[in-house]
């Protein structure tokens, strides 16, 4: 559901542009959505990692 929202109403148009690019290259809607899910998960994990590093919970 988060991915659907990001693809449709993303205030930062990165996810919407990624989805539209995949669709333009001929990917099926579900395949493009799954690729966006993976991209969104990667973004969320990277932000969480950065937050933990900034707070000192993870040492580099």
PDB file of N, CA and C in Angstrom:
ATOM      1  N   UNK A   1       0.815  -1.190   0.000  1.00  0.00           N
ATOM      2  CA  UNK A   1       0.000   0.000   0.000  1.00  0.00           C
ATOM      3  C   UNK A   1       0.867   1.265   0.000  1.00  0.00           C
ATOM      4  N   UNK A   2       1.981   1.231   0.715  1.00  0.00           N
ATOM      5  CA  UNK A   2       2.872   2.393   0.727  1.00  0.00           C
ATOM      6  C   UNK A   2       3.431   2.653  -0.666  1.00  0.00           C
ATOM      7  N   UNK A   3       3.706   1.595  -1.384  1.00  0.00           N
ATOM      8  CA  UNK A   3       4.250   1.751  -2.730  1.00  0.00           C
ATOM      9  C   UNK A   3       3.204   2.326  -3.674  1.00  0.00           C
ATOM     10  N   UNK A   4       1.984   1.884  -3.552  1.00  0.00           N
ATOM     11  CA  UNK A   4       0.921   2.450  -4.384  1.00  0.00           C
ATOM     12  C   UNK A   4       0.781   3.943  -4.148  1.00  0.00           C
ATOM     13  N   UNK A   5       0.827   4.341  -2.886  1.00  0.00           N
ATOM     14  CA  UNK A   5       0.745   5.767  -2.568  1.00  0.00           C
ATOM     15  C   UNK A   5       1.942   6.519  -3.125  1.00  0.00           C
ATOM     16  N   UNK A   6       3.123   5.941  -3.000  1.00  0.00           N
ATOM     17  CA  UNK A   6       4.335   6.602  -3.490  1.00  0.00           C
ATOM     18  C   UNK A   6       4.303   6.753  -5.009  1.00  0.00           C
ATOM     19  N   UNK A   7       3.771   5.762  -5.693  1.00  0.00           N
ATOM     20  CA  UNK A   7       3.722   5.815  -7.154  1.00  0.00           C
ATOM     21  C   UNK A   7       2.665   6.811  -7.628  1.00  0.00           C
ATOM     22  N   UNK A   8       1.584   6.922  -6.889  1.00  0.00           N
ATOM     23  CA  UNK A   8       0.495   7.798  -7.321  1.00  0.00           C
ATOM     24  C   UNK A   8       0.652   9.235  -6.858  1.00  0.00           C
ATOM     25  N   UNK A   9       1.011   9.434  -5.574  1.00  0.00           N
ATOM     26  CA  UNK A   9       0.982  10.779  -4.998  1.00  0.00           C
ATOM     27  C   UNK A   9       2.289  11.166  -4.334  1.00  0.00           C
ATOM     28  N   UNK A  10       3.394  10.688  -4.805  1.00  0.00           N
ATOM     29  CA  UNK A  10       4.677  10.989  -4.184  1.00  0.00           C
ATOM     30  C   UNK A  10       5.005  12.467  -4.330  1.00  0.00           C
ATOM     31  N   UNK A  11       5.168  13.193  -3.206  1.00  0.00           N
ATOM     32  CA  UNK A  11       5.539  14.600  -3.317  1.00  0.00           C
ATOM     33  C   UNK A  11       6.942  14.766  -3.905  1.00  0.00           C
ATOM     34  N   UNK A  12       7.798  13.796  -3.671  1.00  0.00           N
ATOM     35  CA  UNK A  12       9.104  13.745  -4.322  1.00  0.00           C
ATOM     36  C   UNK A  12       8.946  12.775  -5.489  1.00  0.00           C
ATOM     37  N   UNK A  13       8.960  13.248  -6.720  1.00  0.00           N
ATOM     38  CA  UNK A  13       8.527  12.436  -7.859  1.00  0.00           C
ATOM     39  C   UNK A  13       9.485  11.328  -8.292  1.00  0.00           C
ATOM     40  N   UNK A  14      10.409  10.928  -7.441  1.00  0.00           N
ATOM     41  CA  UNK A  14      11.372   9.889  -7.807  1.00  0.00           C
ATOM     42  C   UNK A  14      10.670   8.558  -8.064  1.00  0.00           C
ATOM     43  N   UNK A  15       9.802   8.153  -7.157  1.00  0.00           N
ATOM     44  CA  UNK A  15       9.152   6.854  -7.277  1.00  0.00           C
ATOM     45  C   UNK A  15       8.180   6.830  -8.457  1.00  0.00           C
ATOM     46  N   UNK A  16       7.448   7.903  -8.641  1.00  0.00           N
ATOM     47  CA  UNK A  16       6.499   7.983  -9.755  1.00  0.00           C
ATOM     48  C   UNK A  16       7.237   7.920 -11.088  1.00  0.00           C
ATOM     49  N   UNK A  17       8.346   8.631 -11.181  1.00  0.00           N
ATOM     50  CA  UNK A  17       9.143   8.627 -12.410  1.00  0.00           C
ATOM     51  C   UNK A  17       9.730   7.243 -12.676  1.00  0.00           C
ATOM     52  N   UNK A  18      10.171   6.565 -11.627  1.00  0.00           N
ATOM     53  CA  UNK A  18      10.731   5.216 -11.778  1.00  0.00           C
ATOM     54  C   UNK A  18       9.664   4.252 -12.300  1.00  0.00           C
ATOM     55  N   UNK A  19       8.477   4.336 -11.725  1.00  0.00           N
ATOM     56  CA  UNK A  19       7.369   3.479 -12.155  1.00  0.00           C
ATOM     57  C   UNK A  19       7.006   3.751 -13.616  1.00  0.00           C
ATOM     58  N   UNK A  20       6.889   5.015 -13.974  1.00  0.00           N
ATOM     59  CA  UNK A  20       6.524   5.362 -15.346  1.00  0.00           C
ATOM     60  C   UNK A  20       7.603   4.957 -16.346  1.00  0.00           C
ATOM     61  N   UNK A  21       8.854   5.037 -15.938  1.00  0.00           N
ATOM     62  CA  UNK A  21       9.946   4.607 -16.802  1.00  0.00           C
ATOM     63  C   UNK A  21       9.885   3.100 -17.052  1.00  0.00           C
ATOM     64  N   UNK A  22       9.607   2.335 -16.003  1.00  0.00           N
ATOM     65  CA  UNK A  22       9.493   0.889 -16.165  1.00  0.00           C
ATOM     66  C   UNK A  22       8.319   0.525 -17.066  1.00  0.00           C
ATOM     67  N   UNK A  23       7.201   1.205 -16.877  1.00  0.00           N
ATOM     68  CA  UNK A  23       6.022   0.943 -17.714  1.00  0.00           C
ATOM     69  C   UNK A  23       6.306   1.303 -19.171  1.00  0.00           C
ATOM     70  N   UNK A  24       7.042   2.385 -19.397  1.00  0.00           N
ATOM     71  CA  UNK A  24       7.376   2.809 -20.759  1.00  0.00           C
ATOM     72  C   UNK A  24       8.301   1.796 -21.442  1.00  0.00           C
ATOM     73  N   UNK A  25       9.099   1.091 -20.648  1.00  0.00           N
ATOM     74  CA  UNK A  25       9.990   0.073 -21.211  1.00  0.00           C
ATOM     75  C   UNK A  25       9.269  -1.255 -21.437  1.00  0.00           C
ATOM     76  N   UNK A  26       7.965  -1.290 -21.139  1.00  0.00           N
ATOM     77  CA  UNK A  26       7.179  -2.471 -21.456  1.00  0.00           C
ATOM     78  C   UNK A  26       6.963  -3.442 -20.311  1.00  0.00           C
ATOM     79  N   UNK A  27       7.315  -3.053 -19.097  1.00  0.00           N
ATOM     80  CA  UNK A  27       7.100  -3.946 -17.956  1.00  0.00           C
ATOM     81  C   UNK A  27       5.617  -3.966 -17.600  1.00  0.00           C
ATOM     82  N   UNK A  28       5.168  -5.102 -17.133  1.00  0.00           N
ATOM     83  CA  UNK A  28       3.797  -5.211 -16.654  1.00  0.00           C
ATOM     84  C   UNK A  28       3.621  -4.357 -15.401  1.00  0.00           C
ATOM     85  N   UNK A  29       2.387  -3.963 -15.118  1.00  0.00           N
ATOM     86  CA  UNK A  29       2.121  -3.087 -13.983  1.00  0.00           C
ATOM     87  C   UNK A  29       2.567  -3.719 -12.666  1.00  0.00           C
ATOM     88  N   UNK A  30       2.290  -5.006 -12.480  1.00  0.00           N
ATOM     89  CA  UNK A  30       2.676  -5.662 -11.230  1.00  0.00           C
ATOM     90  C   UNK A  30       4.190  -5.786 -11.103  1.00  0.00           C
ATOM     91  N   UNK A  31       4.859  -6.022 -12.207  1.00  0.00           N
ATOM     92  CA  UNK A  31       6.323  -6.133 -12.192  1.00  0.00           C
ATOM     93  C   UNK A  31       6.938  -4.776 -11.849  1.00  0.00           C
ATOM     94  N   UNK A  32       6.425  -3.720 -12.452  1.00  0.00           N
ATOM     95  CA  UNK A  32       6.924  -2.375 -12.169  1.00  0.00           C
ATOM     96  C   UNK A  32       6.650  -1.993 -10.721  1.00  0.00           C
ATOM     97  N   UNK A  33       5.503  -2.374 -10.208  1.00  0.00           N
ATOM     98  CA  UNK A  33       5.164  -2.075  -8.821  1.00  0.00           C
ATOM     99  C   UNK A  33       6.083  -2.838  -7.867  1.00  0.00           C
ATOM    100  N   UNK A  34       6.391  -4.085  -8.181  1.00  0.00           N
ATOM    101  CA  UNK A  34       7.307  -4.868  -7.337  1.00  0.00           C
ATOM    102  C   UNK A  34       8.704  -4.249  -7.343  1.00  0.00           C
ATOM    103  N   UNK A  35       9.142  -3.729  -8.470  1.00  0.00           N
ATOM    104  CA  UNK A  35      10.444  -3.061  -8.543  1.00  0.00           C
ATOM    105  C   UNK A  35      10.434  -1.793  -7.692  1.00  0.00           C
ATOM    106  N   UNK A  36       9.316  -1.090  -7.695  1.00  0.00           N
ATOM    107  CA  UNK A  36       9.200   0.101  -6.861  1.00  0.00           C
ATOM    108  C   UNK A  36       9.163  -0.262  -5.377  1.00  0.00           C
ATOM    109  N   UNK A  37       8.561  -1.398  -5.051  1.00  0.00           N
ATOM    110  CA  UNK A  37       8.563  -1.865  -3.662  1.00  0.00           C
ATOM    111  C   UNK A  37       9.989  -2.091  -3.177  1.00  0.00           C
ATOM    112  N   UNK A  38      10.780  -2.726  -4.025  1.00  0.00           N
ATOM    113  CA  UNK A  38      12.171  -2.988  -3.668  1.00  0.00           C
ATOM    114  C   UNK A  38      12.942  -1.682  -3.505  1.00  0.00           C
ATOM    115  N   UNK A  39      12.714  -0.738  -4.394  1.00  0.00           N
ATOM    116  CA  UNK A  39      13.388   0.559  -4.322  1.00  0.00           C
ATOM    117  C   UNK A  39      12.982   1.291  -3.046  1.00  0.00           C
ATOM    118  N   UNK A  40      11.699   1.279  -2.715  1.00  0.00           N
ATOM    119  CA  UNK A  40      11.211   1.940  -1.508  1.00  0.00           C
ATOM    120  C   UNK A  40      11.805   1.303  -0.257  1.00  0.00           C
ATOM    121  N   UNK A  41      11.887  -0.008  -0.223  1.00  0.00           N
ATOM    122  CA  UNK A  41      12.472  -0.704   0.919  1.00  0.00           C
ATOM    123  C   UNK A  41      13.942  -0.345   1.086  1.00  0.00           C
ATOM    124  N   UNK A  42      14.658  -0.232  -0.007  1.00  0.00           N
ATOM    125  CA  UNK A  42      16.066   0.154   0.040  1.00  0.00           C
ATOM    126  C   UNK A  42      16.214   1.569   0.595  1.00  0.00           C
ATOM    127  N   UNK A  43      15.358   2.477   0.167  1.00  0.00           N
ATOM    128  CA  UNK A  43      15.400   3.858   0.656  1.00  0.00           C
ATOM    129  C   UNK A  43      15.116   3.914   2.153  1.00  0.00           C
ATOM    130  N   UNK A  44      14.099   3.183   2.601  1.00  0.00           N
ATOM    131  CA  UNK A  44      13.732   3.175   4.022  1.00  0.00           C
ATOM    132  C   UNK A  44      14.865   2.590   4.863  1.00  0.00           C
ATOM    133  N   UNK A  45      15.460   1.499   4.413  1.00  0.00           N
ATOM    134  CA  UNK A  45      16.558   0.892   5.163  1.00  0.00           C
ATOM    135  C   UNK A  45      17.765   1.824   5.237  1.00  0.00           C
ATOM    136  N   UNK A  46      18.081   2.516   4.163  1.00  0.00           N
ATOM    137  CA  UNK A  46      19.219   3.441   4.165  1.00  0.00           C
ATOM    138  C   UNK A  46      18.961   4.619   5.107  1.00  0.00           C
ATOM    139  N   UNK A  47      17.748   5.141   5.109  1.00  0.00           N
ATOM    140  CA  UNK A  47      17.435   6.247   6.018  1.00  0.00           C
ATOM    141  C   UNK A  47      17.525   5.803   7.472  1.00  0.00           C
ATOM    142  N   UNK A  48      17.040   4.618   7.765  1.00  0.00           N
ATOM    143  CA  UNK A  48      17.104   4.104   9.134  1.00  0.00           C
ATOM    144  C   UNK A  48      18.557   3.900   9.568  1.00  0.00           C
ATOM    145  N   UNK A  49      19.372   3.357   8.663  1.00  0.00           N
ATOM    146  CA  UNK A  49      20.790   3.170   8.952  1.00  0.00           C
ATOM    147  C   UNK A  49      21.448   4.509   9.271  1.00  0.00           C
ATOM    148  N   UNK A  50      21.150   5.517   8.464  1.00  0.00           N
ATOM    149  CA  UNK A  50      21.730   6.837   8.676  1.00  0.00           C
ATOM    150  C   UNK A  50      21.287   7.444  10.005  1.00  0.00           C
ATOM    151  N   UNK A  51      20.017   7.242  10.378  1.00  0.00           N
ATOM    152  CA  UNK A  51      19.522   7.736  11.664  1.00  0.00           C
ATOM    153  C   UNK A  51      20.248   7.067  12.817  1.00  0.00           C
ATOM    154  N   UNK A  52      20.443   5.758  12.723  1.00  0.00           N
ATOM    155  CA  UNK A  52      21.127   5.033  13.793  1.00  0.00           C
ATOM    156  C   UNK A  52      22.591   5.446  13.889  1.00  0.00           C
ATOM    157  N   UNK A  53      23.225   5.678  12.754  1.00  0.00           N
ATOM    158  CA  UNK A  53      24.619   6.122  12.771  1.00  0.00           C
ATOM    159  C   UNK A  53      24.738   7.520  13.372  1.00  0.00           C
ATOM    160  N   UNK A  54      23.784   8.394  13.062  1.00  0.00           N
ATOM    161  CA  UNK A  54      23.818   9.760  13.577  1.00  0.00           C
ATOM    162  C   UNK A  54      23.593   9.791  15.087  1.00  0.00           C
ATOM    163  N   UNK A  55      22.789   8.880  15.589  1.00  0.00           N
ATOM    164  CA  UNK A  55      22.495   8.865  17.019  1.00  0.00           C
ATOM    165  C   UNK A  55      23.576   8.116  17.807  1.00  0.00           C
ATOM    166  N   UNK A  56      24.501   7.490  17.113  1.00  0.00           N
ATOM    167  CA  UNK A  56      25.591   6.792  17.785  1.00  0.00           C
ATOM    168  C   UNK A  56      25.279   5.365  18.175  1.00  0.00           C
ATOM    169  N   UNK A  57      24.160   4.839  17.740  1.00  0.00           N
ATOM    170  CA  UNK A  57      23.794   3.461  18.094  1.00  0.00           C
ATOM    171  C   UNK A  57      24.573   2.450  17.264  1.00  0.00           C
ATOM    172  N   UNK A  58      25.070   2.874  16.108  1.00  0.00           N
ATOM    173  CA  UNK A  58      25.881   2.019  15.261  1.00  0.00           C
ATOM    174  C   UNK A  58      27.233   2.696  15.090  1.00  0.00           C
ATOM    175  N   UNK A  59      28.284   1.969  15.396  1.00  0.00           N
ATOM    176  CA  UNK A  59      29.625   2.515  15.225  1.00  0.00           C
ATOM    177  C   UNK A  59      30.117   2.189  13.819  1.00  0.00           C
ATOM    178  N   UNK A  60      30.854   3.109  13.238  1.00  0.00           N
ATOM    179  CA  UNK A  60      31.387   2.867  11.891  1.00  0.00           C
ATOM    180  C   UNK A  60      32.757   2.270  11.935  1.00  0.00           C
TER     181      UNK A  60
END
